[in-house]
C-alpha atoms as a PDB file:
ATOM      1  CA  MET A   1     281.876 122.269 129.090  1.00  0.00           C
ATOM      2  CA  LEU A   2     284.954 124.260 127.364  1.00  0.00           C
ATOM      3  CA  ASP A   3     287.401 121.808 128.173  1.00  0.00           C
ATOM      4  CA  GLU A   4     290.686 122.120 129.245  1.00  0.00           C
ATOM      5  CA  GLU A   5     291.982 120.856 125.890  1.00  0.00           C
ATOM      6  CA  ILE A   6     290.055 124.630 124.867  1.00  0.00           C
ATOM      7  CA  VAL A   7     291.023 127.142 126.736  1.00  0.00           C
ATOM      8  CA  GLU A   8     294.766 127.936 128.615  1.00  0.00           C
ATOM      9  CA  GLY A   9     294.156 131.998 130.047  1.00  0.00           C
ATOM     10  CA  THR A  10     291.516 133.758 127.851  1.00  0.00           C
ATOM     11  CA  ALA A  11     290.166 137.342 129.788  1.00  0.00           C
ATOM     12  CA  ALA A  12     292.536 136.152 132.723  1.00  0.00           C
ATOM     13  CA  GLU A  13     295.453 136.599 131.175  1.00  0.00           C
ATOM     14  CA  ASN A  14     294.490 140.123 129.367  1.00  0.00           C
ATOM     15  CA  GLY A  15     293.365 141.217 132.722  1.00  0.00           C
ATOM     16  CA  ALA A  16     288.888 141.519 131.397  1.00  0.00           C
ATOM     17  CA  GLY A  17     288.484 138.896 135.040  1.00  0.00           C
ATOM     18  CA  GLU A  18     286.370 136.565 134.448  1.00  0.00           C
ATOM     19  CA  GLU A  19     284.325 135.170 131.180  1.00  0.00           C
ATOM     20  CA  ARG A  20     281.034 133.543 131.530  1.00  0.00           C
ATOM     21  CA  ILE A  21     279.424 132.381 128.393  1.00  0.00           C
ATOM     22  CA  VAL A  22     275.609 130.695 129.542  1.00  0.00           C
ATOM     23  CA  THR A  23     272.802 129.164 127.460  1.00  0.00           C
ATOM     24  CA  PRO A  24     270.058 130.194 126.831  1.00  0.00           C
ATOM     25  CA  GLU A  25     268.853 125.560 127.581  1.00  0.00           C
ATOM     26  CA  GLU A  26     271.270 126.096 130.779  1.00  0.00           C
ATOM     27  CA  PRO A  27     270.615 128.815 132.243  1.00  0.00           C
ATOM     28  CA  GLY A  28     273.228 129.215 134.820  1.00  0.00           C
ATOM     29  CA  GLU A  29     274.997 126.097 134.385  1.00  0.00           C
ATOM     30  CA  THR A  30     278.659 127.205 132.891  1.00  0.00           C
ATOM     31  CA  THR A  31     281.033 129.490 133.253  1.00  0.00           C
ATOM     32  CA  VAL A  32     284.494 129.375 131.080  1.00  0.00           C
ATOM     33  CA  ALA A  33     286.483 129.303 134.247  1.00  0.00           C
ATOM     34  CA  GLU A  34     284.597 126.505 135.962  1.00  0.00           C
ATOM     35  CA  THR A  35     284.537 124.371 133.116  1.00  0.00           C
ATOM     36  CA  ILE A  36     287.968 124.358 132.301  1.00  0.00           C
ATOM     37  CA  GLU A  37     288.559 120.407 133.616  1.00  0.00           C
ATOM     38  CA  ALA A  38     290.851 117.936 132.198  1.00  0.00           C
ATOM     39  CA  GLU A  39     288.733 115.550 130.444  1.00  0.00           C
ATOM     40  CA  GLU A  40     290.408 112.418 130.140  1.00  0.00           C
ATOM     41  CA  THR A  41     293.149 111.282 132.521  1.00  0.00           C
ATOM     42  CA  GLY A  42     295.299 107.733 133.158  1.00  0.00           C
ATOM     43  CA  GLU A  43     295.481 107.523 128.696  1.00  0.00           C
ATOM     44  CA  GLU A  44     298.761 105.037 128.011  1.00  0.00           C
ATOM     45  CA  GLU A  45     302.295 106.773 128.185  1.00  0.00           C
ATOM     46  CA  GLU A  46     303.635 107.259 124.512  1.00  0.00           C
ATOM     47  CA  ALA A  47     306.177 105.815 122.899  1.00  0.00           C
ATOM     48  CA  GLU A  48     309.275 108.335 122.607  1.00  0.00           C
ATOM     49  CA  ARG A  49     308.466 111.020 119.997  1.00  0.00           C
ATOM     50  CA  PRO A  50     311.315 113.525 117.915  1.00  0.00           C
ATOM     51  CA  LYS A  51     311.275 117.130 120.482  1.00  0.00           C
ATOM     52  CA  ARG A  52     308.741 119.608 118.598  1.00  0.00           C
ATOM     53  CA  PHE A  53     310.356 121.881 115.843  1.00  0.00           C
ATOM     54  CA  ILE A  54     309.376 125.473 116.833  1.00  0.00           C
ATOM     55  CA  VAL A  55     310.667 128.926 114.646  1.00  0.00           C
ATOM     56  CA  ILE A  56     311.007 132.080 116.379  1.00  0.00           C
ATOM     57  CA  VAL A  57     311.278 135.054 113.510  1.00  0.00           C
ATOM     58  CA  ASP A  58     311.938 138.239 115.791  1.00  0.00           C
ATOM     59  CA  SER A  59     313.553 140.953 114.107  1.00  0.00           C
ATOM     60  CA  MET A  60     314.936 142.176 117.587  1.00  0.00           C
ATOM     61  CA  GLU A  61     318.873 140.251 117.808  1.00  0.00           C
ATOM     62  CA  ARG A  62     318.535 140.931 121.423  1.00  0.00           C
ATOM     63  CA  GLU A  63     314.637 139.523 122.059  1.00  0.00           C
ATOM     64  CA  LEU A  64     314.661 136.708 119.600  1.00  0.00           C
ATOM     65  CA  ASP A  65     317.998 135.426 121.798  1.00  0.00           C
ATOM     66  CA  GLU A  66     316.473 135.770 124.327  1.00  0.00           C
ATOM     67  CA  ALA A  67     313.129 134.001 123.075  1.00  0.00           C
ATOM     68  CA  ILE A  68     315.163 130.580 121.685  1.00  0.00           C
ATOM     69  CA  SER A  69     317.356 130.046 125.073  1.00  0.00           C
ATOM     70  CA  ALA A  70     314.205 130.276 127.016  1.00  0.00           C
ATOM     71  CA  ILE A  71     312.530 127.898 125.013  1.00  0.00           C
ATOM     72  CA  ARG A  72     315.619 125.744 124.308  1.00  0.00           C
ATOM     73  CA  LYS A  73     315.478 125.028 127.779  1.00  0.00           C
ATOM     74  CA  GLY A  74     312.460 122.486 127.569  1.00  0.00           C
ATOM     75  CA  GLU A  75     312.014 119.602 125.369  1.00  0.00           C
ATOM     76  CA  TYR A  76     311.781 121.547 121.578  1.00  0.00           C
ATOM     77  CA  ARG A  77     314.199 121.963 118.576  1.00  0.00           C
ATOM     78  CA  VAL A  78     314.807 125.578 117.716  1.00  0.00           C
ATOM     79  CA  VAL A  79     315.200 128.116 115.764  1.00  0.00           C
ATOM     80  CA  GLY A  80     315.620 131.835 115.176  1.00  0.00           C
ATOM     81  CA  VAL A  81     314.941 133.651 112.208  1.00  0.00           C
ATOM     82  CA  GLU A  82     315.211 137.452 111.623  1.00  0.00           C
ATOM     83  CA  SER A  83     312.680 138.432 108.547  1.00  0.00           C
ATOM     84  CA  ALA A  84     310.040 136.640 107.296  1.00  0.00           C
ATOM     85  CA  GLU A  85     312.028 135.691 103.735  1.00  0.00           C
ATOM     86  CA  GLU A  86     314.450 134.349 106.215  1.00  0.00           C
ATOM     87  CA  PHE A  87     312.288 132.187 107.621  1.00  0.00           C
ATOM     88  CA  PHE A  88     311.415 130.607 104.404  1.00  0.00           C
ATOM     89  CA  GLU A  89     314.610 130.220 103.073  1.00  0.00           C
ATOM     90  CA  VAL A  90     316.180 128.023 106.085  1.00  0.00           C
ATOM     91  CA  THR A  91     312.768 126.395 105.837  1.00  0.00           C
ATOM     92  CA  ARG A  92     313.198 125.209 101.817  1.00  0.00           C
ATOM     93  CA  GLY A  93     317.275 124.799 102.412  1.00  0.00           C
ATOM     94  CA  ARG A  94     315.821 122.273 105.389  1.00  0.00           C
ATOM     95  CA  ASP A  95     314.133 120.808 102.871  1.00  0.00           C
ATOM     96  CA  GLU A  96     315.895 120.527  99.734  1.00  0.00           C
ATOM     97  CA  LYS A  97     318.353 118.730 101.909  1.00  0.00           C
ATOM     98  CA  ARG A  98     316.003 116.379 103.467  1.00  0.00           C
ATOM     99  CA  SER A  99     315.016 115.491  99.747  1.00  0.00           C
ATOM    100  CA  GLU A 100     319.009 114.075  98.696  1.00  0.00           C
ATOM    101  CA  GLU A 101     318.773 112.360 101.761  1.00  0.00           C
ATOM    102  CA  LEU A 102     314.879 110.542 100.961  1.00  0.00           C
ATOM    103  CA  ASN A 103     315.686 110.103  97.098  1.00  0.00           C
ATOM    104  CA  LYS A 104     318.988 107.891  98.205  1.00  0.00           C
ATOM    105  CA  LYS A 105     316.818 105.536  99.534  1.00  0.00           C
ATOM    106  CA  ALA A 106     314.049 102.676  98.264  1.00  0.00           C
ATOM    107  CA  ILE A 107     311.020 104.304  99.295  1.00  0.00           C
ATOM    108  CA  THR A 108     307.737 104.392  97.974  1.00  0.00           C
ATOM    109  CA  PRO A 109     305.811 108.184  97.075  1.00  0.00           C
ATOM    110  CA  ASP A 110     303.936 108.074  99.938  1.00  0.00           C
ATOM    111  CA  GLU A 111     306.077 107.104 102.597  1.00  0.00           C
ATOM    112  CA  TYR A 112     308.518 109.958 101.725  1.00  0.00           C
ATOM    113  CA  TRP A 113     306.077 112.592 101.263  1.00  0.00           C
ATOM    114  CA  THR A 114     305.538 111.590 105.209  1.00  0.00           C
ATOM    115  CA  LEU A 115     309.364 111.790 105.849  1.00  0.00           C
ATOM    116  CA  ALA A 116     309.525 114.819 102.806  1.00  0.00           C
ATOM    117  CA  ARG A 117     307.104 116.931 105.313  1.00  0.00           C
ATOM    118  CA  GLY A 118     309.641 115.951 108.518  1.00  0.00           C
ATOM    119  CA  ASN A 119     310.696 119.606 109.308  1.00  0.00           C
ATOM    120  CA  THR A 120     307.544 121.357 108.698  1.00  0.00           C
ATOM    121  CA  PRO A 121     307.787 123.875 112.457  1.00  0.00           C
ATOM    122  CA  ASP A 122     304.881 121.970 114.744  1.00  0.00           C
ATOM    123  CA  LEU A 123     304.783 125.888 116.099  1.00  0.00           C
ATOM    124  CA  VAL A 124     306.140 129.429 114.400  1.00  0.00           C
ATOM    125  CA  ILE A 125     306.125 132.510 116.930  1.00  0.00           C
ATOM    126  CA  THR A 126     306.870 135.659 115.012  1.00  0.00           C
ATOM    127  CA  ALA A 127     307.200 138.669 117.191  1.00  0.00           C
ATOM    128  CA  LEU A 128     307.055 141.003 114.472  1.00  0.00           C
ATOM    129  CA  ASP A 129     305.022 144.642 115.024  1.00  0.00           C
ATOM    130  CA  LEU A 130     301.767 144.030 115.027  1.00  0.00           C
ATOM    131  CA  LYS A 131     301.712 147.740 113.729  1.00  0.00           C
ATOM    132  CA  ASP A 132     304.688 146.946 110.869  1.00  0.00           C
ATOM    133  CA  LEU A 133     302.684 145.441 107.631  1.00  0.00           C
ATOM    134  CA  GLU A 134     305.228 143.410 106.559  1.00  0.00           C
ATOM    135  CA  GLY A 135     304.533 141.493 110.301  1.00  0.00           C
ATOM    136  CA  TRP A 136     301.052 140.343 108.681  1.00  0.00           C
ATOM    137  CA  GLU A 137     302.157 139.932 105.226  1.00  0.00           C
ATOM    138  CA  PHE A 138     304.189 137.426 106.380  1.00  0.00           C
ATOM    139  CA  ILE A 139     301.467 136.090 108.897  1.00  0.00           C
ATOM    140  CA  MET A 140     298.963 136.211 105.907  1.00  0.00           C
ATOM    141  CA  ARG A 141     301.815 134.340 103.362  1.00  0.00           C
ATOM    142  CA  LEU A 142     302.315 130.967 105.399  1.00  0.00           C
ATOM    143  CA  LYS A 143     298.146 130.914 106.091  1.00  0.00           C
ATOM    144  CA  PHE A 144     297.286 131.634 102.895  1.00  0.00           C
ATOM    145  CA  ASP A 145     299.514 131.845  99.462  1.00  0.00           C
ATOM    146  CA  ASN A 146     299.179 128.865  97.566  1.00  0.00           C
ATOM    147  CA  ARG A 147     302.854 128.931  96.610  1.00  0.00           C
ATOM    148  CA  PHE A 148     303.404 128.200 100.730  1.00  0.00           C
ATOM    149  CA  TYR A 149     301.128 126.081 100.812  1.00  0.00           C
ATOM    150  CA  GLU A 150     303.244 123.046 102.560  1.00  0.00           C
ATOM    151  CA  TYR A 151     303.040 125.518 106.117  1.00  0.00           C
ATOM    152  CA  GLN A 152     299.625 126.384 105.886  1.00  0.00           C
ATOM    153  CA  ASN A 153     298.704 123.860 108.634  1.00  0.00           C
ATOM    154  CA  VAL A 154     302.017 124.967 111.032  1.00  0.00           C
ATOM    155  CA  GLN A 155     300.695 127.027 113.620  1.00  0.00           C
ATOM    156  CA  VAL A 156     300.984 130.719 115.174  1.00  0.00           C
ATOM    157  CA  MET A 157     301.235 131.896 118.555  1.00  0.00           C
ATOM    158  CA  VAL A 158     301.599 135.958 117.924  1.00  0.00           C
ATOM    159  CA  ARG A 159     304.012 138.166 120.892  1.00  0.00           C
ATOM    160  CA  THR A 160     303.379 141.720 120.880  1.00  0.00           C
ATOM    161  CA  ASP A 161     305.080 144.839 121.356  1.00  0.00           C
ATOM    162  CA  GLU A 162     302.323 145.931 123.490  1.00  0.00           C
ATOM    163  CA  PRO A 163     299.479 144.321 125.522  1.00  0.00           C
ATOM    164  CA  VAL A 164     297.397 142.876 123.667  1.00  0.00           C
ATOM    165  CA  THR A 165     294.074 144.980 122.672  1.00  0.00           C
ATOM    166  CA  VAL A 166     291.073 145.577 120.020  1.00  0.00           C
ATOM    167  CA  GLU A 167     292.961 146.534 117.284  1.00  0.00           C
ATOM    168  CA  THR A 168     296.140 143.599 117.603  1.00  0.00           C
ATOM    169  CA  VAL A 169     293.266 140.702 118.038  1.00  0.00           C
ATOM    170  CA  LYS A 170     291.033 142.114 114.685  1.00  0.00           C
ATOM    171  CA  LYS A 171     293.404 142.184 112.250  1.00  0.00           C
ATOM    172  CA  VAL A 172     293.323 138.234 111.480  1.00  0.00           C
ATOM    173  CA  GLN A 173     290.624 136.478 111.987  1.00  0.00           C
ATOM    174  CA  ALA A 174     289.837 133.877 114.545  1.00  0.00           C
ATOM    175  CA  GLU A 175     291.766 130.559 112.636  1.00  0.00           C
ATOM    176  CA  SER A 176     294.721 132.238 111.184  1.00  0.00           C
ATOM    177  CA  ILE A 177     296.248 131.960 114.552  1.00  0.00           C
ATOM    178  CA  VAL A 178     295.997 130.404 117.952  1.00  0.00           C
ATOM    179  CA  ASP A 179     297.491 132.863 120.301  1.00  0.00           C
ATOM    180  CA  TYR A 180     298.513 136.388 121.258  1.00  0.00           C
ATOM    181  CA  PHE A 181     300.074 137.408 123.808  1.00  0.00           C
ATOM    182  CA  PRO A 182     302.408 140.571 124.897  1.00  0.00           C
ATOM    183  CA  LYS A 183     306.704 140.493 124.507  1.00  0.00           C
ATOM    184  CA  SER A 184     306.891 141.082 127.611  1.00  0.00           C
ATOM    185  CA  VAL A 185     305.972 137.734 128.722  1.00  0.00           C
ATOM    186  CA  GLY A 186     309.192 135.863 128.360  1.00  0.00           C
ATOM    187  CA  GLY A 187     311.952 133.401 129.932  1.00  0.00           C
ATOM    188  CA  ALA A 188     309.957 130.584 132.222  1.00  0.00           C
ATOM    189  CA  ASP A 189     306.795 131.881 131.445  1.00  0.00           C
ATOM    190  CA  LEU A 190     307.592 132.015 127.359  1.00  0.00           C
ATOM    191  CA  LEU A 191     308.356 128.284 128.007  1.00  0.00           C
ATOM    192  CA  ALA A 192     305.317 127.790 129.952  1.00  0.00           C
ATOM    193  CA  LYS A 193     303.043 128.971 127.311  1.00  0.00           C
ATOM    194  CA  VAL A 194     304.568 126.630 124.690  1.00  0.00           C
ATOM    195  CA  ASP A 195     304.530 123.940 127.108  1.00  0.00           C
ATOM    196  CA  LYS A 196     300.786 124.452 127.884  1.00  0.00           C
ATOM    197  CA  TYR A 197     299.716 125.226 124.260  1.00  0.00           C
ATOM    198  CA  PHE A 198     301.028 121.692 123.247  1.00  0.00           C
ATOM    199  CA  GLU A 199     299.284 120.023 126.090  1.00  0.00           C
ATOM    200  CA  MET A 200     296.430 121.195 124.831  1.00  0.00           C
ATOM    201  CA  ARG A 201     297.316 120.538 121.696  1.00  0.00           C
ATOM    202  CA  GLU A 202     297.607 117.048 122.846  1.00  0.00           C
ATOM    203  CA  LYS A 203     294.082 116.806 124.819  1.00  0.00           C
ATOM    204  CA  LEU A 204     292.497 118.197 121.675  1.00  0.00           C
ATOM    205  CA  SER A 205     294.433 115.357 119.372  1.00  0.00           C
ATOM    206  CA  ALA A 206     293.210 112.674 121.268  1.00  0.00           C
ATOM    207  CA  ARG A 207     290.193 113.381 121.351  1.00  0.00           C
ATOM    208  CA  LYS A 208     290.157 114.590 117.771  1.00  0.00           C
ATOM    209  CA  SER A 209     291.384 111.031 116.956  1.00  0.00           C
ATOM    210  CA  LYS A 210     288.534 109.195 119.226  1.00  0.00           C
ATOM    211  CA  ILE A 211     285.342 111.201 117.336  1.00  0.00           C
ATOM    212  CA  ALA A 212     287.767 110.634 113.595  1.00  0.00           C
ATOM    213  CA  GLU A 213     287.714 106.597 114.345  1.00  0.00           C
ATOM    214  CA  ALA A 214     283.791 106.267 115.866  1.00  0.00           C
ATOM    215  CA  ILE A 215     282.356 108.847 113.913  1.00  0.00           C
ATOM    216  CA  SER A 216     284.242 110.256 110.786  1.00  0.00           C
ATOM    217  CA  HIS A 217     287.328 111.873 109.839  1.00  0.00           C
ATOM    218  CA  VAL A 218     285.118 115.177 108.693  1.00  0.00           C
ATOM    219  CA  VAL A 219     283.934 115.299 112.320  1.00  0.00           C
ATOM    220  CA  GLY A 220     286.580 114.993 114.058  1.00  0.00           C
ATOM    221  CA  SER A 221     288.150 117.288 112.126  1.00  0.00           C
ATOM    222  CA  GLU A 222     285.178 119.744 112.582  1.00  0.00           C
ATOM    223  CA  TYR A 223     285.336 119.078 116.587  1.00  0.00           C
ATOM    224  CA  GLU A 224     289.492 120.231 116.313  1.00  0.00           C
ATOM    225  CA  ARG A 225     288.658 123.562 114.518  1.00  0.00           C
ATOM    226  CA  ILE A 226     285.575 125.221 116.314  1.00  0.00           C
ATOM    227  CA  SER A 227     287.144 124.062 119.325  1.00  0.00           C
ATOM    228  CA  LEU A 228     290.408 126.597 118.373  1.00  0.00           C
ATOM    229  CA  ALA A 229     288.047 129.150 117.290  1.00  0.00           C
ATOM    230  CA  ILE A 230     286.067 128.776 120.500  1.00  0.00           C
ATOM    231  CA  ARG A 231     289.709 129.513 122.495  1.00  0.00           C
ATOM    232  CA  ILE A 232     290.589 132.274 120.123  1.00  0.00           C
ATOM    233  CA  ARG A 233     287.396 133.959 119.971  1.00  0.00           C
ATOM    234  CA  LEU A 234     287.165 134.385 124.153  1.00  0.00           C
ATOM    235  CA  LYS A 235     290.769 135.803 123.929  1.00  0.00           C
ATOM    236  CA  TYR A 236     289.053 138.317 121.434  1.00  0.00           C
ATOM    237  CA  THR A 237     286.202 138.790 123.480  1.00  0.00           C
ATOM    238  CA  ALA A 238     287.436 139.628 126.641  1.00  0.00           C
ATOM    239  CA  ALA A 239     289.800 142.000 124.882  1.00  0.00           C
ATOM    240  CA  LEU A 240     287.113 144.105 123.487  1.00  0.00           C
ATOM    241  CA  LYS A 241     285.605 144.135 126.597  1.00  0.00           C
ATOM    242  CA  ALA A 242     288.377 145.352 128.535  1.00  0.00           C
ATOM    243  CA  GLU A 243     288.494 147.489 125.578  1.00  0.00           C
ATOM    244  CA  ALA A 244     285.318 148.855 126.416  1.00  0.00           C
ATOM    245  CA  GLU A 245     285.831 150.100 130.072  1.00  0.00           C
ATOM    246  CA  LYS A 246     288.520 151.203 129.431  1.00  0.00           C
ATOM    247  CA  LEU A 247     286.208 153.745 127.203  1.00  0.00           C
ATOM    248  CA  LYS A 248     283.436 154.039 130.595  1.00  0.00           C
ATOM    249  CA  GLU A 249     286.288 155.566 132.428  1.00  0.00           C
ATOM    250  CA  ALA A 250     287.770 157.709 130.045  1.00  0.00           C
ATOM    251  CA  GLY A 251     283.911 159.003 129.477  1.00  0.00           C
ATOM    252  CA  ALA A 252     283.884 158.175 125.901  1.00  0.00           C
ATOM    253  CA  ALA A 253     280.581 158.487 123.434  1.00  0.00           C
ATOM    254  CA  ALA A 254     277.815 155.922 124.795  1.00  0.00           C
ATOM    255  CA  ALA A 255     277.126 155.026 120.752  1.00  0.00           C
ATOM    256  CA  GLU A 256     281.350 154.032 120.986  1.00  0.00           C
ATOM    257  CA  ILE A 257     280.932 151.830 124.076  1.00  0.00           C
ATOM    258  CA  LYS A 258     277.978 150.445 122.586  1.00  0.00           C
ATOM    259  CA  ASN A 259     279.696 149.910 119.468  1.00  0.00           C
ATOM    260  CA  LEU A 260     282.197 147.846 121.007  1.00  0.00           C
ATOM    261  CA  GLU A 261     279.383 146.046 123.410  1.00  0.00           C
ATOM    262  CA  ASP A 262     277.434 144.834 119.808  1.00  0.00           C
ATOM    263  CA  ILE A 263     280.553 142.820 118.849  1.00  0.00           C
ATOM    264  CA  VAL A 264     281.127 141.079 122.437  1.00  0.00           C
ATOM    265  CA  TYR A 265     276.970 140.151 121.873  1.00  0.00           C
ATOM    266  CA  LEU A 266     278.132 138.676 118.769  1.00  0.00           C
ATOM    267  CA  GLU A 267     280.829 137.476 119.244  1.00  0.00           C
ATOM    268  CA  THR A 268     279.408 135.570 122.435  1.00  0.00           C
ATOM    269  CA  SER A 269     276.950 134.212 120.303  1.00  0.00           C
ATOM    270  CA  ASN A 270     279.196 132.900 117.895  1.00  0.00           C
ATOM    271  CA  ILE A 271     281.051 130.469 120.762  1.00  0.00           C
ATOM    272  CA  ILE A 272     277.556 130.088 122.106  1.00  0.00           C
ATOM    273  CA  ASN A 273     277.070 128.469 118.227  1.00  0.00           C
ATOM    274  CA  TYR A 274     280.512 126.699 118.513  1.00  0.00           C
ATOM    275  CA  GLU A 275     279.991 125.615 121.948  1.00  0.00           C
ATOM    276  CA  ARG A 276     276.881 124.130 121.423  1.00  0.00           C
ATOM    277  CA  ARG A 277     277.565 121.929 118.818  1.00  0.00           C
ATOM    278  CA  ARG A 278     280.991 120.687 120.157  1.00  0.00           C
ATOM    279  CA  ARG A 279     278.458 119.352 122.916  1.00  0.00           C
ATOM    280  CA  GLU A 280     276.326 117.633 120.044  1.00  0.00           C
ATOM    281  CA  ILE A 281     279.629 115.939 118.801  1.00  0.00           C
ATOM    282  CA  LYS A 282     280.944 114.782 122.379  1.00  0.00           C
ATOM    283  CA  LYS A 283     276.823 113.356 123.007  1.00  0.00           C
ATOM    284  CA  LEU A 284     277.250 111.516 119.407  1.00  0.00           C
ATOM    285  CA  LEU A 285     280.730 109.932 120.644  1.00  0.00           C
ATOM    286  CA  LYS A 286     279.371 108.964 124.232  1.00  0.00           C
ATOM    287  CA  LYS A 287     275.962 107.386 122.329  1.00  0.00           C
ATOM    288  CA  LYS A 288     278.345 105.338 120.362  1.00  0.00           C
ATOM    289  CA  GLN A 289     280.781 104.472 122.497  1.00  0.00           C
ATOM    290  CA  VAL A 290     277.844 103.255 124.666  1.00  0.00           C
ATOM    291  CA  LYS A 291     276.080 101.448 121.210  1.00  0.00           C
ATOM    292  CA  ASP A 292     279.320  99.883 120.896  1.00  0.00           C
ATOM    293  CA  ASP A 293     280.174  98.575 124.517  1.00  0.00           C
ATOM    294  CA  ASP A 294     276.079  97.137 124.571  1.00  0.00           C
ATOM    295  CA  GLY A 295     277.779  95.208 121.252  1.00  0.00           C
ATOM    296  CA  GLY A 296     279.973  94.220 122.750  1.00  0.00           C
ATOM    297  CA  SER A 297     278.229  91.991 125.717  1.00  0.00           C
ATOM    298  CA  THR A 298     275.806  91.540 123.326  1.00  0.00           C
ATOM    299  CA  ALA A 299     278.012  89.090 121.622  1.00  0.00           C
ATOM    300  CA  ALA A 300     280.036  88.316 123.802  1.00  0.00           C
ATOM    301  CA  LYS A 301     276.755  87.188 125.886  1.00  0.00           C
ATOM    302  CA  VAL A 302     275.581  85.231 122.405  1.00  0.00           C
ATOM    303  CA  GLU A 303     278.928  83.747 122.268  1.00  0.00           C
ATOM    304  CA  SER A 304     278.709  81.855 125.943  1.00  0.00           C
ATOM    305  CA  ASP A 305     275.404  80.345 125.010  1.00  0.00           C
END
């Protein structure tokens, strides 16, 4: 099943209707809308932790202020900057100040590194114009430039100046950003989207930890990666389908429509393959848990004998 930990919105967010993913082995079993279900409930309450750190990048001062005000109403630390350069200046300045404080403490190199990374953002929300090359250069530098390696694992959301389209989606690979949505989403809706994103990541992180403990860290990381890839690719296929429908209504050439439909088919196949692998991992986890439970029962019986 495509879990709630993966998909928050998708087709419905983009006005494309319900997204249907059916594996050949299980015809008619699953739709994305039907299978977005919470998997684990009733877990122990977590200890109080520091507020998550969010950086918002927006060259429009008014929109930046509105986004900051909206998100600060939640349990977040928020910093707003107006350019990519200011982002790196601010984050580096915070890190340098923290490093000076840490240098005064008697700690090991490993402890120093862990503490020094405390100011790395948990999320970057960039609202730079998607048609402006500078906006995409910022994301590329953040994710792929080794000079900024400490930010390569930071999650990035992109706010667009217009509804999500195929052109805006395909500019960045699925693994580069975690979400994109119209700039018209603001206020309480923006805060709700951020809240839901972190809820999804918490569930995914919990599952990753269970897999890492029961199987291996490599498999746990793989599960997390492909889960996020499924989530963002669902939005991609939704945008593609919406675009294809618009072309049909406009009487576009059949070849142009078929090209989009072929891409939808390919991306849907990728999603199905990702989901098959996720199910394999979940089955491995279940078998491991059952085996451990049986082992514990056997051990208890031997001890009682």
